[in-house]
Amino acid sequence: MKFSIDIDCTPSEAREFFGLPDVEAFNQALVEKAQEKVFANMQDMDPEALMKTWVPAGAQMFEAMQKQFFSQTASTKKDV
C-alpha cells in the first residue's frame, strides 16, 4: 500500500510545526551586515583608481612591443 500526503504551508509554519527556532530576525541581520560589507568594498573599487593601476602597465607593455616591432622592421628594411 502506498499513499502520499500533501501539506500546504509556509516555511515559517513548517519550522514552527517541527519545533525549529525562528531564524528570520537573525537571517535579516546577517543579510544587512553582508550588504554593508559589499557596499563598503565597492567604495574601494573606484574606477579611476583601478584605471590608474592597470593602464600604466598596459601602456608600458604596448610601448615596449611597439619599439621591438619598429627595431625589427628597421633592421630588415632594404634600400631600394
Protein backbone atom coordinates (compact mmCIF):
# COMPACT_ATOMS: atom_id res chain seq x y z
CA MET A 1 0.00 0.00 0.00
CA LYS A 2 1.29 3.39 -0.93
CA PHE A 3 -0.08 6.78 -0.02
CA SER A 4 1.12 10.36 -0.02
CA ILE A 5 0.19 13.46 1.91
CA ASP A 6 0.50 16.97 0.50
CA ILE A 7 0.90 19.70 3.09
CA ASP A 8 0.44 23.28 2.01
CA CYS A 9 2.25 25.58 4.44
CA THR A 10 4.75 28.39 4.52
CA PRO A 11 8.38 27.83 5.55
CA SER A 12 7.76 29.58 8.87
CA GLU A 13 4.74 27.35 9.55
CA ALA A 14 6.84 24.26 8.77
CA ARG A 15 9.61 25.39 11.13
CA GLU A 16 7.05 26.02 13.85
CA PHE A 17 5.44 22.61 13.29
CA PHE A 18 8.78 20.80 13.59
CA GLY A 19 9.79 22.87 16.61
CA LEU A 20 12.68 24.65 14.89
CA PRO A 21 13.64 28.14 16.05
CA ASP A 22 12.53 31.24 14.18
CA VAL A 23 15.71 32.50 12.50
CA GLU A 24 14.13 35.23 10.39
CA ALA A 25 15.47 38.11 12.52
CA PHE A 26 18.93 36.52 12.64
CA ASN A 27 18.90 35.96 8.88
CA GLN A 28 17.84 39.56 8.25
CA ALA A 29 20.69 40.85 10.44
CA LEU A 30 23.20 38.70 8.52
CA VAL A 31 21.90 39.93 5.17
CA GLU A 32 22.14 43.57 6.28
CA LYS A 33 25.70 43.05 7.55
CA ALA A 34 26.71 41.37 4.28
CA GLN A 35 25.19 44.24 2.28
CA GLU A 36 27.14 46.77 4.35
CA LYS A 37 30.39 44.92 3.65
CA VAL A 38 29.65 44.66 -0.07
CA PHE A 39 28.88 48.37 -0.33
CA ALA A 40 31.99 49.25 1.68
CA ASN A 41 34.14 47.15 -0.66
CA MET A 42 32.50 48.73 -3.69
CA GLN A 43 33.61 52.13 -2.41
CA ASP A 44 37.22 50.90 -2.59
CA MET A 45 36.76 49.85 -6.21
CA ASP A 46 36.81 53.36 -7.63
CA PRO A 47 37.05 53.06 -11.45
CA GLU A 48 39.53 55.92 -11.68
CA ALA A 49 41.88 54.32 -9.14
CA LEU A 50 41.63 50.96 -10.90
CA MET A 51 42.46 52.53 -14.26
CA LYS A 52 45.49 54.27 -12.78
CA THR A 53 46.87 50.95 -11.60
CA TRP A 54 46.06 49.00 -14.77
CA VAL A 55 46.82 51.46 -17.57
CA PRO A 56 50.47 52.31 -16.84
CA ALA A 57 51.49 48.66 -17.02
CA GLY A 58 49.47 48.17 -20.18
CA ALA A 59 50.88 51.33 -21.77
CA GLN A 60 54.45 50.35 -20.93
CA MET A 61 53.93 46.91 -22.41
CA PHE A 62 52.44 48.43 -25.57
CA GLU A 63 55.38 50.85 -25.89
CA ALA A 64 57.91 48.02 -25.47
CA MET A 65 56.11 45.95 -28.09
CA GLN A 66 55.99 48.93 -30.44
CA LYS A 67 59.73 49.61 -30.02
CA GLN A 68 60.54 45.96 -30.69
CA PHE A 69 58.37 45.98 -33.81
CA PHE A 70 60.00 49.16 -35.14
CA SER A 71 63.50 47.87 -34.41
CA GLN A 72 62.81 44.64 -36.27
CA THR A 73 61.26 46.36 -39.27
CA ALA A 74 64.10 48.92 -39.41
CA SER A 75 66.74 46.19 -39.44
CA THR A 76 65.03 44.28 -42.28
CA LYS A 77 64.41 47.38 -44.37
CA LYS A 78 66.36 47.29 -47.66
CA ASP A 79 67.47 50.22 -49.71
CA VAL A 80 65.55 50.39 -52.96
